[in-house]
Amino acid sequence: MNVRLNREWSRLLESYKADHKDPRNRATHMVGIPMILASLPIAATIVGLPLGAALFTGGWALQFLGHHYEGNDPAFFTDRRSLAVGAMWWAQKVGLVSLESEAQQAVTGGRTSTSATV
């Protein structure tokens, strides 16, 4: 699925990418982000709460380790929307979505087969 980003979300994604250049940081995020995302529905059940808590804690530990390698603070410290941008970045990296910035839309004329706009 293609997701067309407006100017603001395109800027947020580019800023996120600029803050995540170290390969070790990217690797920790590739593992940590899905751990955090998976922890939320799992922890919503009493039975899954211990597993969800472990996934959530471990995922965030990886995020902070990655930023230690990168030498910067997590992007959400300054803009909480970066939490959503991180999930979008991960989804793009694993091939779940294709993110199209406004600049890319200008080149393609905004033509996509299946798209949503953010």
N, C-alpha and C. Protein backbone atom coordinates (compact mmCIF):
# COMPACT_ATOMS: atom_id res chain seq x y z
N MET A 1 0.85 -1.18 0.00
CA MET A 1 0.00 0.00 0.00
C MET A 1 0.89 1.24 0.00
N ASN A 2 0.55 2.20 -0.81
CA ASN A 2 1.25 3.48 -0.83
C ASN A 2 0.59 4.44 0.13
N VAL A 3 1.42 5.16 0.88
CA VAL A 3 0.92 6.20 1.77
C VAL A 3 1.54 7.51 1.30
N ARG A 4 0.69 8.44 0.91
CA ARG A 4 1.16 9.75 0.46
C ARG A 4 1.25 10.68 1.66
N LEU A 5 2.41 11.21 1.91
CA LEU A 5 2.63 12.09 3.05
C LEU A 5 2.49 13.55 2.63
N ASN A 6 1.82 14.34 3.46
CA ASN A 6 1.76 15.77 3.17
C ASN A 6 3.10 16.41 3.52
N ARG A 7 3.22 17.69 3.31
CA ARG A 7 4.49 18.39 3.52
C ARG A 7 5.02 18.21 4.94
N GLU A 8 4.14 18.36 5.94
CA GLU A 8 4.56 18.27 7.33
C GLU A 8 5.07 16.87 7.69
N TRP A 9 4.33 15.84 7.29
CA TRP A 9 4.74 14.47 7.60
C TRP A 9 5.95 14.07 6.77
N SER A 10 6.09 14.61 5.57
CA SER A 10 7.30 14.36 4.77
C SER A 10 8.51 14.93 5.50
N ARG A 11 8.36 16.13 6.05
CA ARG A 11 9.45 16.76 6.79
C ARG A 11 9.79 15.95 8.04
N LEU A 12 8.77 15.47 8.74
CA LEU A 12 9.01 14.66 9.94
C LEU A 12 9.76 13.37 9.60
N LEU A 13 9.37 12.72 8.50
CA LEU A 13 10.05 11.49 8.10
C LEU A 13 11.50 11.76 7.73
N GLU A 14 11.76 12.82 6.98
CA GLU A 14 13.13 13.15 6.61
C GLU A 14 13.97 13.48 7.84
N SER A 15 13.39 14.19 8.78
CA SER A 15 14.08 14.50 10.04
C SER A 15 14.38 13.22 10.81
N TYR A 16 13.42 12.31 10.85
CA TYR A 16 13.60 11.03 11.53
C TYR A 16 14.76 10.26 10.90
N LYS A 17 14.76 10.19 9.58
CA LYS A 17 15.84 9.48 8.88
C LYS A 17 17.20 10.11 9.17
N ALA A 18 17.25 11.43 9.24
CA ALA A 18 18.51 12.13 9.51
C ALA A 18 19.03 11.82 10.92
N ASP A 19 18.11 11.54 11.85
CA ASP A 19 18.50 11.23 13.22
C ASP A 19 18.82 9.75 13.42
N HIS A 20 18.72 8.96 12.37
CA HIS A 20 18.90 7.51 12.48
C HIS A 20 19.81 7.02 11.36
N LYS A 21 21.05 7.48 11.34
CA LYS A 21 21.98 7.11 10.27
C LYS A 21 22.94 5.99 10.67
N ASP A 22 23.25 5.89 11.96
CA ASP A 22 24.18 4.86 12.42
C ASP A 22 23.57 3.48 12.20
N PRO A 23 24.28 2.57 11.55
CA PRO A 23 23.72 1.24 11.28
C PRO A 23 23.33 0.48 12.55
N ARG A 24 24.04 0.72 13.64
CA ARG A 24 23.69 0.05 14.89
C ARG A 24 22.37 0.60 15.43
N ASN A 25 22.15 1.89 15.29
CA ASN A 25 20.89 2.49 15.72
C ASN A 25 19.74 1.95 14.88
N ARG A 26 19.95 1.91 13.57
CA ARG A 26 18.90 1.38 12.69
C ARG A 26 18.60 -0.08 13.03
N ALA A 27 19.63 -0.86 13.32
CA ALA A 27 19.42 -2.28 13.65
C ALA A 27 18.61 -2.43 14.94
N THR A 28 18.94 -1.62 15.96
CA THR A 28 18.20 -1.73 17.21
C THR A 28 16.75 -1.28 17.01
N HIS A 29 16.54 -0.31 16.14
CA HIS A 29 15.18 0.15 15.86
C HIS A 29 14.40 -0.88 15.05
N MET A 30 15.07 -1.60 14.16
CA MET A 30 14.38 -2.62 13.37
C MET A 30 13.84 -3.74 14.26
N VAL A 31 14.47 -3.97 15.40
CA VAL A 31 14.01 -4.98 16.35
C VAL A 31 13.12 -4.35 17.42
N GLY A 32 13.53 -3.20 17.94
CA GLY A 32 12.82 -2.57 19.05
C GLY A 32 11.43 -2.06 18.70
N ILE A 33 11.27 -1.45 17.53
CA ILE A 33 9.97 -0.89 17.15
C ILE A 33 8.89 -1.98 17.07
N PRO A 34 9.13 -3.10 16.38
CA PRO A 34 8.07 -4.11 16.35
C PRO A 34 7.82 -4.74 17.73
N MET A 35 8.84 -4.79 18.57
CA MET A 35 8.62 -5.29 19.93
C MET A 35 7.64 -4.39 20.67
N ILE A 36 7.84 -3.08 20.55
CA ILE A 36 6.96 -2.12 21.22
C ILE A 36 5.55 -2.21 20.63
N LEU A 37 5.46 -2.23 19.30
CA LEU A 37 4.14 -2.30 18.66
C LEU A 37 3.40 -3.58 19.03
N ALA A 38 4.10 -4.70 19.06
CA ALA A 38 3.47 -5.97 19.42
C ALA A 38 3.07 -6.00 20.89
N SER A 39 3.80 -5.29 21.73
CA SER A 39 3.51 -5.33 23.16
C SER A 39 2.14 -4.74 23.50
N LEU A 40 1.68 -3.79 22.72
CA LEU A 40 0.45 -3.08 23.06
C LEU A 40 -0.78 -3.98 23.03
N PRO A 41 -1.06 -4.69 21.93
CA PRO A 41 -2.24 -5.56 21.97
C PRO A 41 -2.04 -6.77 22.87
N ILE A 42 -0.82 -7.26 23.00
CA ILE A 42 -0.56 -8.42 23.86
C ILE A 42 -0.83 -8.05 25.31
N ALA A 43 -0.35 -6.87 25.73
CA ALA A 43 -0.51 -6.45 27.13
C ALA A 43 -1.94 -6.08 27.47
N ALA A 44 -2.78 -5.94 26.46
CA ALA A 44 -4.18 -5.56 26.71
C ALA A 44 -4.98 -6.69 27.35
N THR A 45 -4.39 -7.86 27.41
CA THR A 45 -5.07 -8.99 28.07
C THR A 45 -4.34 -9.30 29.38
N ILE A 46 -5.06 -9.76 30.34
CA ILE A 46 -4.45 -10.12 31.63
C ILE A 46 -3.42 -11.22 31.44
N VAL A 47 -3.74 -12.20 30.62
CA VAL A 47 -2.83 -13.32 30.38
C VAL A 47 -1.55 -12.83 29.71
N GLY A 48 -1.68 -11.87 28.78
CA GLY A 48 -0.52 -11.41 28.03
C GLY A 48 0.24 -10.28 28.68
N LEU A 49 -0.23 -9.78 29.81
CA LEU A 49 0.42 -8.62 30.43
C LEU A 49 1.91 -8.84 30.72
N PRO A 50 2.32 -9.96 31.30
CA PRO A 50 3.77 -10.13 31.55
C PRO A 50 4.59 -10.13 30.26
N LEU A 51 4.11 -10.83 29.24
CA LEU A 51 4.83 -10.84 27.96
C LEU A 51 4.83 -9.46 27.33
N GLY A 52 3.68 -8.79 27.35
CA GLY A 52 3.60 -7.44 26.79
C GLY A 52 4.53 -6.48 27.48
N ALA A 53 4.60 -6.57 28.81
CA ALA A 53 5.49 -5.69 29.57
C ALA A 53 6.95 -5.96 29.23
N ALA A 54 7.30 -7.22 29.06
CA ALA A 54 8.68 -7.58 28.71
C ALA A 54 9.03 -7.07 27.31
N LEU A 55 8.12 -7.25 26.37
CA LEU A 55 8.35 -6.76 25.01
C LEU A 55 8.49 -5.24 24.99
N PHE A 56 7.60 -4.56 25.70
CA PHE A 56 7.62 -3.10 25.75
C PHE A 56 8.93 -2.59 26.34
N THR A 57 9.32 -3.16 27.48
CA THR A 57 10.55 -2.73 28.16
C THR A 57 11.78 -3.05 27.31
N GLY A 58 11.82 -4.26 26.77
CA GLY A 58 12.96 -4.64 25.94
C GLY A 58 13.05 -3.80 24.67
N GLY A 59 11.91 -3.52 24.06
CA GLY A 59 11.90 -2.69 22.85
C GLY A 59 12.44 -1.30 23.11
N TRP A 60 11.99 -0.70 24.22
CA TRP A 60 12.48 0.64 24.55
C TRP A 60 13.95 0.61 24.93
N ALA A 61 14.40 -0.45 25.59
CA ALA A 61 15.83 -0.56 25.92
C ALA A 61 16.66 -0.56 24.64
N LEU A 62 16.19 -1.27 23.63
CA LEU A 62 16.90 -1.27 22.34
C LEU A 62 16.90 0.10 21.70
N GLN A 63 15.76 0.81 21.80
CA GLN A 63 15.68 2.16 21.22
C GLN A 63 16.74 3.07 21.86
N PHE A 64 16.80 3.04 23.18
CA PHE A 64 17.76 3.92 23.87
C PHE A 64 19.20 3.49 23.62
N LEU A 65 19.45 2.19 23.51
CA LEU A 65 20.79 1.72 23.16
C LEU A 65 21.18 2.25 21.78
N GLY A 66 20.26 2.19 20.84
CA GLY A 66 20.53 2.71 19.50
C GLY A 66 20.88 4.19 19.51
N HIS A 67 20.17 4.95 20.32
CA HIS A 67 20.47 6.38 20.38
C HIS A 67 21.76 6.66 21.12
N HIS A 68 22.16 5.75 22.00
CA HIS A 68 23.50 5.86 22.60
C HIS A 68 24.55 5.73 21.51
N TYR A 69 24.38 4.74 20.62
CA TYR A 69 25.31 4.57 19.50
C TYR A 69 25.29 5.79 18.58
N GLU A 70 24.11 6.31 18.32
CA GLU A 70 23.96 7.45 17.40
C GLU A 70 24.51 8.73 18.02
N GLY A 71 24.44 8.83 19.35
CA GLY A 71 24.92 10.03 20.02
C GLY A 71 23.89 11.14 20.04
N ASN A 72 22.60 10.79 19.97
CA ASN A 72 21.55 11.80 20.03
C ASN A 72 20.37 11.29 20.86
N ASP A 73 19.47 12.18 21.16
CA ASP A 73 18.27 11.81 21.90
C ASP A 73 17.22 11.26 20.94
N PRO A 74 16.32 10.42 21.44
CA PRO A 74 15.22 9.97 20.59
C PRO A 74 14.41 11.16 20.07
N ALA A 75 13.95 11.04 18.84
CA ALA A 75 13.23 12.15 18.18
C ALA A 75 11.98 12.55 18.94
N PHE A 76 11.33 11.61 19.63
CA PHE A 76 10.08 11.94 20.31
C PHE A 76 10.30 12.83 21.53
N PHE A 77 11.54 13.02 21.96
CA PHE A 77 11.81 13.95 23.06
C PHE A 77 11.38 15.37 22.68
N THR A 78 11.50 15.71 21.39
CA THR A 78 11.15 17.06 20.93
C THR A 78 9.81 17.11 20.19
N ASP A 79 9.35 15.97 19.65
CA ASP A 79 8.09 15.95 18.91
C ASP A 79 7.48 14.55 19.03
N ARG A 80 6.40 14.45 19.77
CA ARG A 80 5.79 13.14 20.03
C ARG A 80 5.25 12.46 18.77
N ARG A 81 5.04 13.24 17.72
CA ARG A 81 4.61 12.62 16.46
C ARG A 81 5.66 11.66 15.92
N SER A 82 6.89 11.82 16.38
CA SER A 82 7.96 10.93 15.94
C SER A 82 7.71 9.48 16.35
N LEU A 83 6.87 9.26 17.36
CA LEU A 83 6.51 7.89 17.71
C LEU A 83 5.77 7.22 16.55
N ALA A 84 4.86 7.95 15.93
CA ALA A 84 4.15 7.43 14.75
C ALA A 84 5.08 7.35 13.55
N VAL A 85 5.96 8.33 13.40
CA VAL A 85 6.89 8.34 12.28
C VAL A 85 7.83 7.14 12.37
N GLY A 86 8.26 6.79 13.58
CA GLY A 86 9.11 5.62 13.76
C GLY A 86 8.42 4.35 13.30
N ALA A 87 7.16 4.22 13.62
CA ALA A 87 6.39 3.04 13.18
C ALA A 87 6.26 3.04 11.66
N MET A 88 6.05 4.22 11.06
CA MET A 88 5.95 4.32 9.60
C MET A 88 7.29 3.97 8.95
N TRP A 89 8.39 4.46 9.54
CA TRP A 89 9.73 4.18 9.04
C TRP A 89 9.98 2.67 9.03
N TRP A 90 9.62 2.02 10.15
CA TRP A 90 9.81 0.57 10.25
C TRP A 90 8.96 -0.15 9.22
N ALA A 91 7.69 0.24 9.08
CA ALA A 91 6.80 -0.41 8.13
C ALA A 91 7.32 -0.27 6.70
N GLN A 92 7.93 0.86 6.39
CA GLN A 92 8.52 1.05 5.07
C GLN A 92 9.75 0.15 4.91
N LYS A 93 10.58 0.08 5.93
CA LYS A 93 11.80 -0.72 5.86
C LYS A 93 11.52 -2.20 5.64
N VAL A 94 10.45 -2.72 6.24
CA VAL A 94 10.14 -4.15 6.09
C VAL A 94 9.19 -4.41 4.91
N GLY A 95 8.83 -3.36 4.19
CA GLY A 95 8.03 -3.53 2.98
C GLY A 95 6.52 -3.59 3.17
N LEU A 96 6.04 -3.20 4.35
CA LEU A 96 4.59 -3.21 4.58
C LEU A 96 3.89 -2.06 3.87
N VAL A 97 4.57 -0.92 3.76
CA VAL A 97 4.01 0.25 3.08
C VAL A 97 5.09 0.91 2.25
N SER A 98 4.65 1.70 1.31
CA SER A 98 5.54 2.56 0.53
C SER A 98 5.16 3.99 0.88
N LEU A 99 6.10 4.73 1.44
CA LEU A 99 5.83 6.11 1.83
C LEU A 99 6.27 7.04 0.72
N GLU A 100 5.39 7.91 0.30
CA GLU A 100 5.67 8.83 -0.81
C GLU A 100 5.57 10.26 -0.30
N SER A 101 6.70 10.97 -0.35
CA SER A 101 6.73 12.35 0.10
C SER A 101 6.09 13.26 -0.94
N GLU A 102 5.87 14.51 -0.55
CA GLU A 102 5.30 15.47 -1.51
C GLU A 102 6.22 15.65 -2.71
N ALA A 103 7.54 15.62 -2.48
CA ALA A 103 8.48 15.77 -3.59
C ALA A 103 8.33 14.61 -4.57
N GLN A 104 8.17 13.38 -4.05
CA GLN A 104 7.98 12.23 -4.92
C GLN A 104 6.65 12.30 -5.65
N GLN A 105 5.62 12.82 -4.98
CA GLN A 105 4.30 12.95 -5.59
C GLN A 105 4.35 13.91 -6.77
N ALA A 106 5.18 14.96 -6.66
CA ALA A 106 5.30 15.92 -7.75
C ALA A 106 5.89 15.26 -9.00
N VAL A 107 6.82 14.34 -8.78
CA VAL A 107 7.45 13.63 -9.90
C VAL A 107 6.49 12.64 -10.54
N THR A 108 5.75 11.90 -9.70
CA THR A 108 4.85 10.86 -10.22
C THR A 108 3.47 11.39 -10.55
N GLY A 109 3.19 12.62 -10.19
CA GLY A 109 1.86 13.17 -10.41
C GLY A 109 0.84 12.64 -9.43
N GLY A 110 1.33 12.03 -8.32
CA GLY A 110 0.44 11.51 -7.28
C GLY A 110 -0.30 10.25 -7.68
N ARG A 111 0.14 9.60 -8.78
CA ARG A 111 -0.55 8.40 -9.23
C ARG A 111 -0.07 7.18 -8.44
N THR A 112 -1.00 6.51 -7.78
CA THR A 112 -0.71 5.27 -7.07
C THR A 112 -1.87 4.33 -7.25
N SER A 113 -1.62 3.03 -7.14
CA SER A 113 -2.71 2.07 -7.30
C SER A 113 -3.58 2.00 -6.06
N THR A 114 -2.99 1.90 -4.90
CA THR A 114 -3.72 1.88 -3.64
C THR A 114 -3.03 2.86 -2.73
N SER A 115 -3.73 3.86 -2.27
CA SER A 115 -3.03 4.87 -1.46
C SER A 115 -3.91 5.42 -0.37
N ALA A 116 -3.22 5.93 0.63
CA ALA A 116 -3.86 6.67 1.72
C ALA A 116 -3.03 7.93 1.91
N THR A 117 -3.63 8.98 2.40
CA THR A 117 -2.90 10.23 2.58
C THR A 117 -2.79 10.54 4.07
N VAL A 118 -1.57 10.93 4.48
CA VAL A 118 -1.33 11.36 5.86
C VAL A 118 -0.87 12.79 5.81
